Amino acid sequence: MRYVVLIAYAPGRWEAAGAEERQEFFDAHHAFERFVDERGRRLESAALCDADLATTIRHGEDGTPVVTDGPFVELTEQVGGYYDVELPDLDTAIAAAKLLPRSYTVEVRPTVQVEGYQSL
């Protein structure tokens, strides 16, 4: 089964962290990666820029796309990274997510195949 693990955190947390706390973050991510590698596989992962660098596209009432700087909504936490993984089941994905830093809010979401759609 394929899951996307979304990582959210309070803005500025990384910048405020000292060397020891940053190492704890790295250690937790490495524990997550080892766990996934032993039970499935990592397909992709990335850290994301802060939400203040986001660009949002919405469609107006007339259907015209409107592009604005910044996030869609104001949040106390923001999505700061993700892992795209294949693991046997949700329980295993949850066990892996529990290894990530405790200060994160982590969302585990299964992916779906959309019938009739094929990526180019």
PDB file of N, CA and C in Angstrom:
ATOM      1  N   MET A   1       0.851  -1.180   0.000  1.00  0.00           N
ATOM      2  CA  MET A   1       0.000   0.000   0.000  1.00  0.00           C
ATOM      3  C   MET A   1       0.892   1.237   0.000  1.00  0.00           C
ATOM      4  N   ARG A   2       0.449   2.247  -0.703  1.00  0.00           N
ATOM      5  CA  ARG A   2       1.234   3.476  -0.803  1.00  0.00           C
ATOM      6  C   ARG A   2       0.619   4.553   0.105  1.00  0.00           C
ATOM      7  N   TYR A   3       1.491   5.242   0.861  1.00  0.00           N
ATOM      8  CA  TYR A   3       1.069   6.281   1.791  1.00  0.00           C
ATOM      9  C   TYR A   3       1.920   7.529   1.588  1.00  0.00           C
ATOM     10  N   VAL A   4       1.306   8.686   1.783  1.00  0.00           N
ATOM     11  CA  VAL A   4       2.044   9.935   1.885  1.00  0.00           C
ATOM     12  C   VAL A   4       1.989  10.333   3.349  1.00  0.00           C
ATOM     13  N   VAL A   5       3.149  10.589   3.924  1.00  0.00           N
ATOM     14  CA  VAL A   5       3.263  11.015   5.310  1.00  0.00           C
ATOM     15  C   VAL A   5       3.569  12.510   5.284  1.00  0.00           C
ATOM     16  N   LEU A   6       2.594  13.312   5.708  1.00  0.00           N
ATOM     17  CA  LEU A   6       2.740  14.768   5.711  1.00  0.00           C
ATOM     18  C   LEU A   6       3.217  15.221   7.081  1.00  0.00           C
ATOM     19  N   ILE A   7       4.207  16.083   7.097  1.00  0.00           N
ATOM     20  CA  ILE A   7       4.823  16.538   8.332  1.00  0.00           C
ATOM     21  C   ILE A   7       4.489  18.018   8.526  1.00  0.00           C
ATOM     22  N   ALA A   8       3.851  18.341   9.643  1.00  0.00           N
ATOM     23  CA  ALA A   8       3.522  19.735   9.949  1.00  0.00           C
ATOM     24  C   ALA A   8       4.219  20.142  11.239  1.00  0.00           C
ATOM     25  N   TYR A   9       4.568  21.397  11.312  1.00  0.00           N
ATOM     26  CA  TYR A   9       5.257  21.909  12.498  1.00  0.00           C
ATOM     27  C   TYR A   9       4.992  23.401  12.631  1.00  0.00           C
ATOM     28  N   ALA A  10       5.314  23.942  13.794  1.00  0.00           N
ATOM     29  CA  ALA A  10       5.149  25.373  14.029  1.00  0.00           C
ATOM     30  C   ALA A  10       6.239  26.130  13.271  1.00  0.00           C
ATOM     31  N   PRO A  11       5.866  27.174  12.546  1.00  0.00           N
ATOM     32  CA  PRO A  11       6.871  27.961  11.817  1.00  0.00           C
ATOM     33  C   PRO A  11       7.946  28.489  12.761  1.00  0.00           C
ATOM     34  N   GLY A  12       9.186  28.508  12.270  1.00  0.00           N
ATOM     35  CA  GLY A  12      10.300  29.021  13.048  1.00  0.00           C
ATOM     36  C   GLY A  12      10.937  28.027  13.993  1.00  0.00           C
ATOM     37  N   ARG A  13      10.336  26.849  14.126  1.00  0.00           N
ATOM     38  CA  ARG A  13      10.851  25.841  15.073  1.00  0.00           C
ATOM     39  C   ARG A  13      12.267  25.407  14.699  1.00  0.00           C
ATOM     40  N   TRP A  14      12.511  25.143  13.437  1.00  0.00           N
ATOM     41  CA  TRP A  14      13.827  24.692  13.003  1.00  0.00           C
ATOM     42  C   TRP A  14      14.869  25.787  13.227  1.00  0.00           C
ATOM     43  N   GLU A  15      14.529  27.014  12.849  1.00  0.00           N
ATOM     44  CA  GLU A  15      15.473  28.122  12.976  1.00  0.00           C
ATOM     45  C   GLU A  15      15.845  28.376  14.436  1.00  0.00           C
ATOM     46  N   ALA A  16      14.909  28.130  15.353  1.00  0.00           N
ATOM     47  CA  ALA A  16      15.148  28.355  16.779  1.00  0.00           C
ATOM     48  C   ALA A  16      15.874  27.196  17.450  1.00  0.00           C
ATOM     49  N   ALA A  17      15.945  26.053  16.793  1.00  0.00           N
ATOM     50  CA  ALA A  17      16.551  24.852  17.392  1.00  0.00           C
ATOM     51  C   ALA A  17      18.068  24.976  17.443  1.00  0.00           C
ATOM     52  N   GLY A  18      18.626  24.534  18.550  1.00  0.00           N
ATOM     53  CA  GLY A  18      20.072  24.473  18.682  1.00  0.00           C
ATOM     54  C   GLY A  18      20.613  23.212  18.030  1.00  0.00           C
ATOM     55  N   ALA A  19      21.924  23.061  18.064  1.00  0.00           N
ATOM     56  CA  ALA A  19      22.578  21.924  17.405  1.00  0.00           C
ATOM     57  C   ALA A  19      22.099  20.585  17.967  1.00  0.00           C
ATOM     58  N   GLU A  20      21.913  20.491  19.269  1.00  0.00           N
ATOM     59  CA  GLU A  20      21.488  19.224  19.876  1.00  0.00           C
ATOM     60  C   GLU A  20      20.067  18.862  19.447  1.00  0.00           C
ATOM     61  N   GLU A  21      19.178  19.842  19.465  1.00  0.00           N
ATOM     62  CA  GLU A  21      17.806  19.573  19.048  1.00  0.00           C
ATOM     63  C   GLU A  21      17.735  19.230  17.565  1.00  0.00           C
ATOM     64  N   ARG A  22      18.522  19.912  16.742  1.00  0.00           N
ATOM     65  CA  ARG A  22      18.561  19.580  15.314  1.00  0.00           C
ATOM     66  C   ARG A  22      19.035  18.147  15.098  1.00  0.00           C
ATOM     67  N   GLN A  23      20.028  17.719  15.880  1.00  0.00           N
ATOM     68  CA  GLN A  23      20.506  16.340  15.758  1.00  0.00           C
ATOM     69  C   GLN A  23      19.408  15.360  16.150  1.00  0.00           C
ATOM     70  N   GLU A  24      18.601  15.702  17.164  1.00  0.00           N
ATOM     71  CA  GLU A  24      17.479  14.845  17.549  1.00  0.00           C
ATOM     72  C   GLU A  24      16.485  14.710  16.393  1.00  0.00           C
ATOM     73  N   PHE A  25      16.241  15.813  15.668  1.00  0.00           N
ATOM     74  CA  PHE A  25      15.371  15.757  14.491  1.00  0.00           C
ATOM     75  C   PHE A  25      15.966  14.812  13.447  1.00  0.00           C
ATOM     76  N   PHE A  26      17.247  14.982  13.156  1.00  0.00           N
ATOM     77  CA  PHE A  26      17.905  14.110  12.168  1.00  0.00           C
ATOM     78  C   PHE A  26      17.825  12.652  12.594  1.00  0.00           C
ATOM     79  N   ASP A  27      18.100  12.381  13.879  1.00  0.00           N
ATOM     80  CA  ASP A  27      18.064  11.003  14.379  1.00  0.00           C
ATOM     81  C   ASP A  27      16.671  10.392  14.220  1.00  0.00           C
ATOM     82  N   ALA A  28      15.634  11.174  14.504  1.00  0.00           N
ATOM     83  CA  ALA A  28      14.263  10.670  14.370  1.00  0.00           C
ATOM     84  C   ALA A  28      13.941  10.374  12.902  1.00  0.00           C
ATOM     85  N   HIS A  29      14.345  11.260  12.001  1.00  0.00           N
ATOM     86  CA  HIS A  29      14.108  11.009  10.574  1.00  0.00           C
ATOM     87  C   HIS A  29      14.866   9.770  10.108  1.00  0.00           C
ATOM     88  N   HIS A  30      16.085   9.593  10.577  1.00  0.00           N
ATOM     89  CA  HIS A  30      16.851   8.405  10.194  1.00  0.00           C
ATOM     90  C   HIS A  30      16.194   7.133  10.735  1.00  0.00           C
ATOM     91  N   ALA A  31      15.643   7.187  11.950  1.00  0.00           N
ATOM     92  CA  ALA A  31      14.936   6.023  12.508  1.00  0.00           C
ATOM     93  C   ALA A  31      13.713   5.696  11.650  1.00  0.00           C
ATOM     94  N   PHE A  32      12.977   6.723  11.248  1.00  0.00           N
ATOM     95  CA  PHE A  32      11.832   6.535  10.358  1.00  0.00           C
ATOM     96  C   PHE A  32      12.281   5.887   9.048  1.00  0.00           C
ATOM     97  N   GLU A  33      13.329   6.416   8.442  1.00  0.00           N
ATOM     98  CA  GLU A  33      13.811   5.907   7.157  1.00  0.00           C
ATOM     99  C   GLU A  33      14.262   4.449   7.261  1.00  0.00           C
ATOM    100  N   ARG A  34      14.988   4.114   8.331  1.00  0.00           N
ATOM    101  CA  ARG A  34      15.421   2.717   8.510  1.00  0.00           C
ATOM    102  C   ARG A  34      14.206   1.795   8.671  1.00  0.00           C
ATOM    103  N   PHE A  35      13.229   2.235   9.465  1.00  0.00           N
ATOM    104  CA  PHE A  35      12.014   1.447   9.695  1.00  0.00           C
ATOM    105  C   PHE A  35      11.307   1.172   8.367  1.00  0.00           C
ATOM    106  N   VAL A  36      11.128   2.213   7.564  1.00  0.00           N
ATOM    107  CA  VAL A  36      10.454   2.050   6.274  1.00  0.00           C
ATOM    108  C   VAL A  36      11.271   1.157   5.353  1.00  0.00           C
ATOM    109  N   ASP A  37      12.568   1.370   5.289  1.00  0.00           N
ATOM    110  CA  ASP A  37      13.423   0.562   4.410  1.00  0.00           C
ATOM    111  C   ASP A  37      13.376  -0.921   4.771  1.00  0.00           C
ATOM    112  N   GLU A  38      13.215  -1.239   6.061  1.00  0.00           N
ATOM    113  CA  GLU A  38      13.152  -2.634   6.504  1.00  0.00           C
ATOM    114  C   GLU A  38      11.800  -3.287   6.208  1.00  0.00           C
ATOM    115  N   ARG A  39      10.743  -2.477   6.083  1.00  0.00           N
ATOM    116  CA  ARG A  39       9.394  -3.024   5.946  1.00  0.00           C
ATOM    117  C   ARG A  39       8.719  -2.707   4.616  1.00  0.00           C
ATOM    118  N   GLY A  40       9.326  -1.845   3.844  1.00  0.00           N
ATOM    119  CA  GLY A  40       8.745  -1.427   2.571  1.00  0.00           C
ATOM    120  C   GLY A  40       9.786  -0.672   1.776  1.00  0.00           C
ATOM    121  N   ARG A  41       9.385   0.491   1.245  1.00  0.00           N
ATOM    122  CA  ARG A  41      10.378   1.310   0.549  1.00  0.00           C
ATOM    123  C   ARG A  41       9.941   2.763   0.501  1.00  0.00           C
ATOM    124  N   ARG A  42      10.958   3.618   0.475  1.00  0.00           N
ATOM    125  CA  ARG A  42      10.737   5.054   0.323  1.00  0.00           C
ATOM    126  C   ARG A  42      10.735   5.368  -1.163  1.00  0.00           C
ATOM    127  N   LEU A  43       9.714   6.048  -1.629  1.00  0.00           N
ATOM    128  CA  LEU A  43       9.629   6.426  -3.032  1.00  0.00           C
ATOM    129  C   LEU A  43      10.184   7.818  -3.256  1.00  0.00           C
ATOM    130  N   GLU A  44       9.906   8.714  -2.326  1.00  0.00           N
ATOM    131  CA  GLU A  44      10.331  10.106  -2.471  1.00  0.00           C
ATOM    132  C   GLU A  44      10.158  10.800  -1.134  1.00  0.00           C
ATOM    133  N   SER A  45      10.906  11.857  -0.925  1.00  0.00           N
ATOM    134  CA  SER A  45      10.711  12.706   0.248  1.00  0.00           C
ATOM    135  C   SER A  45      11.339  14.055  -0.035  1.00  0.00           C
ATOM    136  N   ALA A  46      10.862  15.064   0.673  1.00  0.00           N
ATOM    137  CA  ALA A  46      11.437  16.398   0.528  1.00  0.00           C
ATOM    138  C   ALA A  46      10.977  17.274   1.668  1.00  0.00           C
ATOM    139  N   ALA A  47      11.836  18.212   2.008  1.00  0.00           N
ATOM    140  CA  ALA A  47      11.444  19.300   2.900  1.00  0.00           C
ATOM    141  C   ALA A  47      10.866  20.396   2.015  1.00  0.00           C
ATOM    142  N   LEU A  48       9.933  21.153   2.554  1.00  0.00           N
ATOM    143  CA  LEU A  48       9.290  22.216   1.792  1.00  0.00           C
ATOM    144  C   LEU A  48       9.674  23.578   2.353  1.00  0.00           C
ATOM    145  N   CYS A  49       9.694  24.590   1.508  1.00  0.00           N
ATOM    146  CA  CYS A  49       9.911  25.960   1.964  1.00  0.00           C
ATOM    147  C   CYS A  49       8.751  26.358   2.869  1.00  0.00           C
ATOM    148  N   ASP A  50       8.957  27.393   3.672  1.00  0.00           N
ATOM    149  CA  ASP A  50       7.894  27.876   4.538  1.00  0.00           C
ATOM    150  C   ASP A  50       6.700  28.343   3.718  1.00  0.00           C
ATOM    151  N   ALA A  51       5.540  28.328   4.344  1.00  0.00           N
ATOM    152  CA  ALA A  51       4.286  28.663   3.666  1.00  0.00           C
ATOM    153  C   ALA A  51       4.264  30.091   3.148  1.00  0.00           C
ATOM    154  N   ASP A  52       5.072  30.985   3.732  1.00  0.00           N
ATOM    155  CA  ASP A  52       5.068  32.362   3.232  1.00  0.00           C
ATOM    156  C   ASP A  52       5.650  32.461   1.826  1.00  0.00           C
ATOM    157  N   LEU A  53       6.283  31.403   1.347  1.00  0.00           N
ATOM    158  CA  LEU A  53       6.785  31.363  -0.027  1.00  0.00           C
ATOM    159  C   LEU A  53       5.852  30.618  -0.970  1.00  0.00           C
ATOM    160  N   ALA A  54       4.704  30.187  -0.433  1.00  0.00           N
ATOM    161  CA  ALA A  54       3.732  29.454  -1.248  1.00  0.00           C
ATOM    162  C   ALA A  54       3.061  30.382  -2.254  1.00  0.00           C
ATOM    163  N   THR A  55       2.584  29.800  -3.315  1.00  0.00           N
ATOM    164  CA  THR A  55       1.744  30.488  -4.286  1.00  0.00           C
ATOM    165  C   THR A  55       0.443  29.701  -4.364  1.00  0.00           C
ATOM    166  N   THR A  56      -0.667  30.401  -4.269  1.00  0.00           N
ATOM    167  CA  THR A  56      -1.975  29.756  -4.268  1.00  0.00           C
ATOM    168  C   THR A  56      -2.723  30.116  -5.543  1.00  0.00           C
ATOM    169  N   ILE A  57      -3.312  29.122  -6.170  1.00  0.00           N
ATOM    170  CA  ILE A  57      -4.120  29.330  -7.365  1.00  0.00           C
ATOM    171  C   ILE A  57      -5.553  28.940  -7.017  1.00  0.00           C
ATOM    172  N   ARG A  58      -6.464  29.879  -7.180  1.00  0.00           N
ATOM    173  CA  ARG A  58      -7.897  29.637  -6.977  1.00  0.00           C
ATOM    174  C   ARG A  58      -8.612  30.077  -8.232  1.00  0.00           C
ATOM    175  N   HIS A  59      -9.756  29.528  -8.450  1.00  0.00           N
ATOM    176  CA  HIS A  59     -10.568  29.937  -9.592  1.00  0.00           C
ATOM    177  C   HIS A  59     -11.678  30.863  -9.104  1.00  0.00           C
ATOM    178  N   GLY A  60     -11.787  32.009  -9.755  1.00  0.00           N
ATOM    179  CA  GLY A  60     -12.842  32.959  -9.420  1.00  0.00           C
ATOM    180  C   GLY A  60     -14.195  32.414  -9.827  1.00  0.00           C
ATOM    181  N   GLU A  61     -15.237  33.164  -9.482  1.00  0.00           N
ATOM    182  CA  GLU A  61     -16.601  32.730  -9.797  1.00  0.00           C
ATOM    183  C   GLU A  61     -16.819  32.547 -11.291  1.00  0.00           C
ATOM    184  N   ASP A  62     -16.054  33.298 -12.101  1.00  0.00           N
ATOM    185  CA  ASP A  62     -16.186  33.160 -13.553  1.00  0.00           C
ATOM    186  C   ASP A  62     -15.302  32.054 -14.127  1.00  0.00           C
ATOM    187  N   GLY A  63     -14.581  31.349 -13.244  1.00  0.00           N
ATOM    188  CA  GLY A  63     -13.724  30.253 -13.683  1.00  0.00           C
ATOM    189  C   GLY A  63     -12.310  30.659 -14.024  1.00  0.00           C
ATOM    190  N   THR A  64     -12.011  31.947 -13.960  1.00  0.00           N
ATOM    191  CA  THR A  64     -10.673  32.429 -14.275  1.00  0.00           C
ATOM    192  C   THR A  64      -9.728  32.131 -13.117  1.00  0.00           C
ATOM    193  N   PRO A  65      -8.558  31.538 -13.385  1.00  0.00           N
ATOM    194  CA  PRO A  65      -7.618  31.280 -12.309  1.00  0.00           C
ATOM    195  C   PRO A  65      -7.018  32.590 -11.772  1.00  0.00           C
ATOM    196  N   VAL A  66      -6.931  32.669 -10.445  1.00  0.00           N
ATOM    197  CA  VAL A  66      -6.345  33.822  -9.772  1.00  0.00           C
ATOM    198  C   VAL A  66      -5.149  33.316  -8.978  1.00  0.00           C
ATOM    199  N   VAL A  67      -3.994  33.906  -9.232  1.00  0.00           N
ATOM    200  CA  VAL A  67      -2.753  33.500  -8.575  1.00  0.00           C
ATOM    201  C   VAL A  67      -2.419  34.536  -7.509  1.00  0.00           C
ATOM    202  N   THR A  68      -2.194  34.074  -6.266  1.00  0.00           N
ATOM    203  CA  THR A  68      -1.816  34.970  -5.176  1.00  0.00           C
ATOM    204  C   THR A  68      -0.603  34.417  -4.444  1.00  0.00           C
ATOM    205  N   ASP A  69       0.169  35.308  -3.872  1.00  0.00           N
ATOM    206  CA  ASP A  69       1.310  34.907  -3.050  1.00  0.00           C
ATOM    207  C   ASP A  69       0.800  34.492  -1.680  1.00  0.00           C
ATOM    208  N   GLY A  70       1.493  33.516  -1.096  1.00  0.00           N
ATOM    209  CA  GLY A  70       1.171  33.112   0.264  1.00  0.00           C
ATOM    210  C   GLY A  70       0.283  31.893   0.321  1.00  0.00           C
ATOM    211  N   PRO A  71       0.110  31.378   1.529  1.00  0.00           N
ATOM    212  CA  PRO A  71      -0.678  30.154   1.721  1.00  0.00           C
ATOM    213  C   PRO A  71      -2.162  30.414   1.551  1.00  0.00           C
ATOM    214  N   PHE A  72      -2.892  29.328   1.393  1.00  0.00           N
ATOM    215  CA  PHE A  72      -4.341  29.370   1.207  1.00  0.00           C
ATOM    216  C   PHE A  72      -5.039  29.883   2.462  1.00  0.00           C
ATOM    217  N   VAL A  73      -4.593  29.429   3.629  1.00  0.00           N
ATOM    218  CA  VAL A  73      -5.187  29.845   4.907  1.00  0.00           C
ATOM    219  C   VAL A  73      -4.062  30.124   5.903  1.00  0.00           C
ATOM    220  N   GLU A  74      -4.359  30.900   6.914  1.00  0.00           N
ATOM    221  CA  GLU A  74      -3.405  31.136   7.992  1.00  0.00           C
ATOM    222  C   GLU A  74      -3.458  29.942   8.944  1.00  0.00           C
ATOM    223  N   LEU A  75      -2.317  29.412   9.282  1.00  0.00           N
ATOM    224  CA  LEU A  75      -2.252  28.239  10.142  1.00  0.00           C
ATOM    225  C   LEU A  75      -1.254  28.460  11.267  1.00  0.00           C
ATOM    226  N   THR A  76      -1.487  27.779  12.392  1.00  0.00           N
ATOM    227  CA  THR A  76      -0.497  27.803  13.448  1.00  0.00           C
ATOM    228  C   THR A  76       0.608  26.794  13.153  1.00  0.00           C
ATOM    229  N   GLU A  77       0.281  25.783  12.345  1.00  0.00           N
ATOM    230  CA  GLU A  77       1.266  24.822  11.869  1.00  0.00           C
ATOM    231  C   GLU A  77       1.220  24.848  10.354  1.00  0.00           C
ATOM    232  N   GLN A  78       2.302  24.408   9.739  1.00  0.00           N
ATOM    233  CA  GLN A  78       2.329  24.347   8.286  1.00  0.00           C
ATOM    234  C   GLN A  78       2.975  23.048   7.851  1.00  0.00           C
ATOM    235  N   VAL A  79       2.586  22.574   6.679  1.00  0.00           N
ATOM    236  CA  VAL A  79       3.206  21.374   6.134  1.00  0.00           C
ATOM    237  C   VAL A  79       4.625  21.747   5.733  1.00  0.00           C
ATOM    238  N   GLY A  80       5.568  21.017   6.276  1.00  0.00           N
ATOM    239  CA  GLY A  80       6.970  21.349   6.046  1.00  0.00           C
ATOM    240  C   GLY A  80       7.737  20.275   5.308  1.00  0.00           C
ATOM    241  N   GLY A  81       7.108  19.148   5.035  1.00  0.00           N
ATOM    242  CA  GLY A  81       7.790  18.089   4.314  1.00  0.00           C
ATOM    243  C   GLY A  81       6.888  16.883   4.159  1.00  0.00           C
ATOM    244  N   TYR A  82       7.398  15.909   3.434  1.00  0.00           N
ATOM    245  CA  TYR A  82       6.604  14.703   3.208  1.00  0.00           C
ATOM    246  C   TYR A  82       7.514  13.529   2.898  1.00  0.00           C
ATOM    247  N   TYR A  83       6.972  12.347   3.102  1.00  0.00           N
ATOM    248  CA  TYR A  83       7.550  11.097   2.629  1.00  0.00           C
ATOM    249  C   TYR A  83       6.484  10.400   1.803  1.00  0.00           C
ATOM    250  N   ASP A  84       6.871   9.833   0.693  1.00  0.00           N
ATOM    251  CA  ASP A  84       6.002   8.998  -0.131  1.00  0.00           C
ATOM    252  C   ASP A  84       6.577   7.592   0.009  1.00  0.00           C
ATOM    253  N   VAL A  85       5.813   6.693   0.633  1.00  0.00           N
ATOM    254  CA  VAL A  85       6.355   5.378   0.990  1.00  0.00           C
ATOM    255  C   VAL A  85       5.394   4.266   0.578  1.00  0.00           C
ATOM    256  N   GLU A  86       5.946   3.078   0.421  1.00  0.00           N
ATOM    257  CA  GLU A  86       5.140   1.862   0.259  1.00  0.00           C
ATOM    258  C   GLU A  86       5.385   0.995   1.477  1.00  0.00           C
ATOM    259  N   LEU A  87       4.304   0.652   2.170  1.00  0.00           N
ATOM    260  CA  LEU A  87       4.376  -0.193   3.356  1.00  0.00           C
ATOM    261  C   LEU A  87       3.209  -1.177   3.299  1.00  0.00           C
ATOM    262  N   PRO A  88       3.311  -2.286   4.047  1.00  0.00           N
ATOM    263  CA  PRO A  88       2.296  -3.325   3.923  1.00  0.00           C
ATOM    264  C   PRO A  88       0.887  -2.902   4.328  1.00  0.00           C
ATOM    265  N   ASP A  89       0.771  -2.024   5.338  1.00  0.00           N
ATOM    266  CA  ASP A  89      -0.563  -1.667   5.817  1.00  0.00           C
ATOM    267  C   ASP A  89      -0.500  -0.390   6.644  1.00  0.00           C
ATOM    268  N   LEU A  90      -1.686   0.099   7.028  1.00  0.00           N
ATOM    269  CA  LEU A  90      -1.786   1.341   7.782  1.00  0.00           C
ATOM    270  C   LEU A  90      -1.106   1.240   9.143  1.00  0.00           C
ATOM    271  N   ASP A  91      -1.237   0.103   9.809  1.00  0.00           N
ATOM    272  CA  ASP A  91      -0.597  -0.054  11.118  1.00  0.00           C
ATOM    273  C   ASP A  91       0.913   0.145  11.021  1.00  0.00           C
ATOM    274  N   THR A  92       1.525  -0.384   9.976  1.00  0.00           N
ATOM    275  CA  THR A  92       2.965  -0.227   9.782  1.00  0.00           C
ATOM    276  C   THR A  92       3.294   1.226   9.472  1.00  0.00           C
ATOM    277  N   ALA A  93       2.464   1.886   8.672  1.00  0.00           N
ATOM    278  CA  ALA A  93       2.685   3.300   8.356  1.00  0.00           C
ATOM    279  C   ALA A  93       2.575   4.159   9.618  1.00  0.00           C
ATOM    280  N   ILE A  94       1.625   3.855  10.475  1.00  0.00           N
ATOM    281  CA  ILE A  94       1.475   4.590  11.734  1.00  0.00           C
ATOM    282  C   ILE A  94       2.677   4.356  12.637  1.00  0.00           C
ATOM    283  N   ALA A  95       3.129   3.121  12.721  1.00  0.00           N
ATOM    284  CA  ALA A  95       4.314   2.819  13.541  1.00  0.00           C
ATOM    285  C   ALA A  95       5.521   3.604  13.048  1.00  0.00           C
ATOM    286  N   ALA A  96       5.678   3.710  11.735  1.00  0.00           N
ATOM    287  CA  ALA A  96       6.786   4.495  11.177  1.00  0.00           C
ATOM    288  C   ALA A  96       6.626   5.962  11.527  1.00  0.00           C
ATOM    289  N   ALA A  97       5.436   6.506  11.363  1.00  0.00           N
ATOM    290  CA  ALA A  97       5.190   7.926  11.622  1.00  0.00           C
ATOM    291  C   ALA A  97       5.461   8.291  13.074  1.00  0.00           C
ATOM    292  N   LYS A  98       5.230   7.362  13.976  1.00  0.00           N
ATOM    293  CA  LYS A  98       5.485   7.618  15.399  1.00  0.00           C
ATOM    294  C   LYS A  98       6.972   7.828  15.697  1.00  0.00           C
ATOM    295  N   LEU A  99       7.841   7.446  14.774  1.00  0.00           N
ATOM    296  CA  LEU A  99       9.280   7.617  14.967  1.00  0.00           C
ATOM    297  C   LEU A  99       9.757   9.031  14.637  1.00  0.00           C
ATOM    298  N   LEU A 100       8.954   9.801  13.941  1.00  0.00           N
ATOM    299  CA  LEU A 100       9.336  11.167  13.574  1.00  0.00           C
ATOM    300  C   LEU A 100       9.330  12.059  14.817  1.00  0.00           C
ATOM    301  N   PRO A 101       9.970  13.212  14.750  1.00  0.00           N
ATOM    302  CA  PRO A 101      10.073  14.067  15.948  1.00  0.00           C
ATOM    303  C   PRO A 101       8.717  14.325  16.610  1.00  0.00           C
ATOM    304  N   ARG A 102       8.713  14.277  17.943  1.00  0.00           N
ATOM    305  CA  ARG A 102       7.485  14.418  18.721  1.00  0.00           C
ATOM    306  C   ARG A 102       6.825  15.779  18.546  1.00  0.00           C
ATOM    307  N   SER A 103       7.587  16.797  18.184  1.00  0.00           N
ATOM    308  CA  SER A 103       7.004  18.129  18.035  1.00  0.00           C
ATOM    309  C   SER A 103       6.209  18.274  16.736  1.00  0.00           C
ATOM    310  N   TYR A 104       6.303  17.296  15.836  1.00  0.00           N
ATOM    311  CA  TYR A 104       5.566  17.345  14.580  1.00  0.00           C
ATOM    312  C   TYR A 104       4.125  16.870  14.774  1.00  0.00           C
ATOM    313  N   THR A 105       3.257  17.372  13.943  1.00  0.00           N
ATOM    314  CA  THR A 105       1.957  16.753  13.719  1.00  0.00           C
ATOM    315  C   THR A 105       2.113  16.005  12.406  1.00  0.00           C
ATOM    316  N   VAL A 106       1.824  14.724  12.414  1.00  0.00           N
ATOM    317  CA  VAL A 106       2.062  13.890  11.240  1.00  0.00           C
ATOM    318  C   VAL A 106       0.733  13.323  10.754  1.00  0.00           C
ATOM    319  N   GLU A 107       0.485  13.482   9.478  1.00  0.00           N
ATOM    320  CA  GLU A 107      -0.720  12.916   8.861  1.00  0.00           C
ATOM    321  C   GLU A 107      -0.290  11.823   7.901  1.00  0.00           C
ATOM    322  N   VAL A 108      -0.880  10.642   8.052  1.00  0.00           N
ATOM    323  CA  VAL A 108      -0.616   9.512   7.172  1.00  0.00           C
ATOM    324  C   VAL A 108      -1.848   9.356   6.289  1.00  0.00           C
ATOM    325  N   ARG A 109      -1.627   9.432   4.992  1.00  0.00           N
ATOM    326  CA  ARG A 109      -2.764   9.384   4.079  1.00  0.00           C
ATOM    327  C   ARG A 109      -2.489   8.385   2.966  1.00  0.00           C
ATOM    328  N   PRO A 110      -3.369   7.377   2.782  1.00  0.00           N
ATOM    329  CA  PRO A 110      -3.180   6.451   1.670  1.00  0.00           C
ATOM    330  C   PRO A 110      -3.425   7.168   0.343  1.00  0.00           C
ATOM    331  N   THR A 111      -2.732   6.728  -0.676  1.00  0.00           N
ATOM    332  CA  THR A 111      -2.959   7.274  -2.009  1.00  0.00           C
ATOM    333  C   THR A 111      -4.047   6.447  -2.690  1.00  0.00           C
ATOM    334  N   VAL A 112      -4.626   6.997  -3.742  1.00  0.00           N
ATOM    335  CA  VAL A 112      -5.648   6.275  -4.497  1.00  0.00           C
ATOM    336  C   VAL A 112      -5.323   6.357  -5.978  1.00  0.00           C
ATOM    337  N   GLN A 113      -5.761   5.371  -6.692  1.00  0.00           N
ATOM    338  CA  GLN A 113      -5.680   5.391  -8.142  1.00  0.00           C
ATOM    339  C   GLN A 113      -6.992   5.963  -8.648  1.00  0.00           C
ATOM    340  N   VAL A 114      -6.930   6.967  -9.493  1.00  0.00           N
ATOM    341  CA  VAL A 114      -8.133   7.569 -10.051  1.00  0.00           C
ATOM    342  C   VAL A 114      -8.439   6.851 -11.361  1.00  0.00           C
ATOM    343  N   GLU A 115      -9.587   6.184 -11.386  1.00  0.00           N
ATOM    344  CA  GLU A 115      -9.951   5.395 -12.554  1.00  0.00           C
ATOM    345  C   GLU A 115     -10.014   6.275 -13.789  1.00  0.00           C
ATOM    346  N   GLY A 116      -9.367   5.821 -14.848  1.00  0.00           N
ATOM    347  CA  GLY A 116      -9.379   6.535 -16.113  1.00  0.00           C
ATOM    348  C   GLY A 116      -8.258   7.553 -16.278  1.00  0.00           C
ATOM    349  N   TYR A 117      -7.530   7.866 -15.209  1.00  0.00           N
ATOM    350  CA  TYR A 117      -6.459   8.858 -15.303  1.00  0.00           C
ATOM    351  C   TYR A 117      -5.119   8.149 -15.404  1.00  0.00           C
ATOM    352  N   GLN A 118      -4.308   8.584 -16.372  1.00  0.00           N
ATOM    353  CA  GLN A 118      -2.946   8.087 -16.481  1.00  0.00           C
ATOM    354  C   GLN A 118      -2.025   9.290 -16.607  1.00  0.00           C
ATOM    355  N   SER A 119      -1.020   9.326 -15.767  1.00  0.00           N
ATOM    356  CA  SER A 119      -0.048  10.406 -15.802  1.00  0.00           C
ATOM    357  C   SER A 119       0.762  10.334 -17.093  1.00  0.00           C
ATOM    358  N   LEU A 120       1.165  11.470 -17.594  1.00  0.00           N
ATOM    359  CA  LEU A 120       1.956  11.512 -18.831  1.00  0.00           C
ATOM    360  C   LEU A 120       3.383  11.119 -18.598  1.00  0.00           C
TER     361      LEU A 120
END
